Amino acid sequence: MKNYLKRAAMCFALILLVVSCAEEDVLVNNEALNTSNLAKKIKTPGFADNNMVLYWNEKTELVLSAPGPQPSRARFFAIIQIAVHDALNNIKPKYQRYALLNERRKFADPDAAVASAAYWAIKGLNRQGAFAANLETWYIQSLATIPDGESKELGKTLGKNAADAIIAKRANDGLLQVIFFTDLLPNGVNPGEYRSTLTALNWIPQTTLASTRNVSNWGTVMQPYVIESNYQFRPTGPYPVTSNEYTTDFNEVKTKGARVGGIRSADEEKKGKFWSENRPSIIWNHIVRQAIENKKLDAWKTARLFALMHVSMAESINSALNGSYHYYSWRPETAIRLADNDGNDNTQGNPDWLPVLSETPTSVSPPVPGYPSGFAAYGGTTAEILRLFFETDKTSIAITTTSTHPAVPVDPAQKPSFQYSSFSQAARDNSLSLIYNGWDFRKSALDGEEMGRQIANYVFNHHFRENDE
């Protein structure tokens, strides 16, 4: 009798265990939205290599390579890379999400989510332009590499939701209040105050190409992504025109950056031309891609790095423009032409002086006030993100120009390139190229670079951080 009762109790316990497991399966299936067999289909949920992330980053770069205002390009790049980051981290929340916060699809296919996020973000921002047909082909080809089924469909839906979420979050970020125009900015009156650089030589008006458009209120109306305000990291300002430090910077750029009679080393000449020919968002995206090579990063880490980098770049150009119009400081070409009346006895004017890159009467310095340098901020912020992410400044990268300028050789083997052993070295060359081109004073370049570094530190330590779960 005792043995019978013992066996009965064991059977009853076994029945309870089976019922409990069945109930748990129902809960799991409900949570996964009827994805009953997905756990079997995906051997390692929450893992994927980074090939699809890199593929769509490359396509995003291609789409955004068309001429246009640098701040706009930085904004678009940031939004697209956030969409990819959020899509992956709603499959497995390894890192903090930004816009799509409460949509878990743990059995969604990561590659489908990445492709869908990038595709719908590009379309949602209306950035496809001349690549409209290509974009459809890229998306179809990407999805063709993924087995059909519930996992793939979940990934496609998740990616679109991630794109929709970040676009909605940035819908009222200030873009609609930005003033795009090609007219001349108001000229300052006192020494050191900005004078428009949209004219040169015989004062022929600058062309109306989109890349030259002025965005005078961008740094005021554009909402930050992570930092508290666009003036949070505003640098201290340019040197007083009558100071010894200003005189030193003045003479340096007057000598090295002159189109006629300039004194530059062959290395300085090459670096000035190299960095100026490349759009900052594009060339630094290339540098990040190179840094990723041989690091064996998974999709999540790669997407996080791109999000960190492009958000930091967007914050940096917003902040640089905020500072530029706050200080309203003149460019070297104006300073040198008007030096005889600047109140500094140690500066000598040259009314015919032009910067190196004034190849024609309508190719002049960037048409924005000269301090701090947004161009240098791009390099400073990206180099610092890379240093923080990889926990070292050391690297080994060969940077080849991405320029499509007619003077640049088509043959990849003949394109200009530079080898760098540290991220900070690349950032510093990026900054100093502005002096070699006659566009910026040293203080503007180095303060812009430092501002970019400070922004990178803030972004890295305040968002897209690793989750505990």
Foldseek 3Di string as FASTA:
>chain_A
DVVVVVVVVVVVVVVVVVVVVVVVLVVVCVLLVNPNCLCVVDVDFLFFAAPLVVVLLVVLLVLLVDAAALLVSLVLLLLLLLLLLQLSCLLPVQWFHAFPHPRHNVSADSSLLNLLQNLLLCVVVVSCVVVPVVSVVVSVVSLVVPDDDDNNVVSNVSSNVSSVRSCVVCVQQQPVVWDWDQDADDFDDAFFAAGFWQFADVGDGADPTNNQTDRLCLLPRGHARFDPHLQPLQDDADDQCQDPVVLVLLVLLLQQFWQPNHDDDPVLLLLLVQLVLASLVNLLSVVLVQQCPPVRDTNNLSSLLSSLLSSLLSSLLSSFSVNQNVRNGYASLVCQLCVVPNPHPSHHHDVRTATNQCPDRRGGARRTGAAADSQLLSLLQSLLSSCVSVVHFFDWDKGFGPGPPPVADPPSVRTDIDIDGGSVVVSVSSLCSCSNRRTHGSVNSVSSSVSSNVSSVSSQVGGRGTDPD
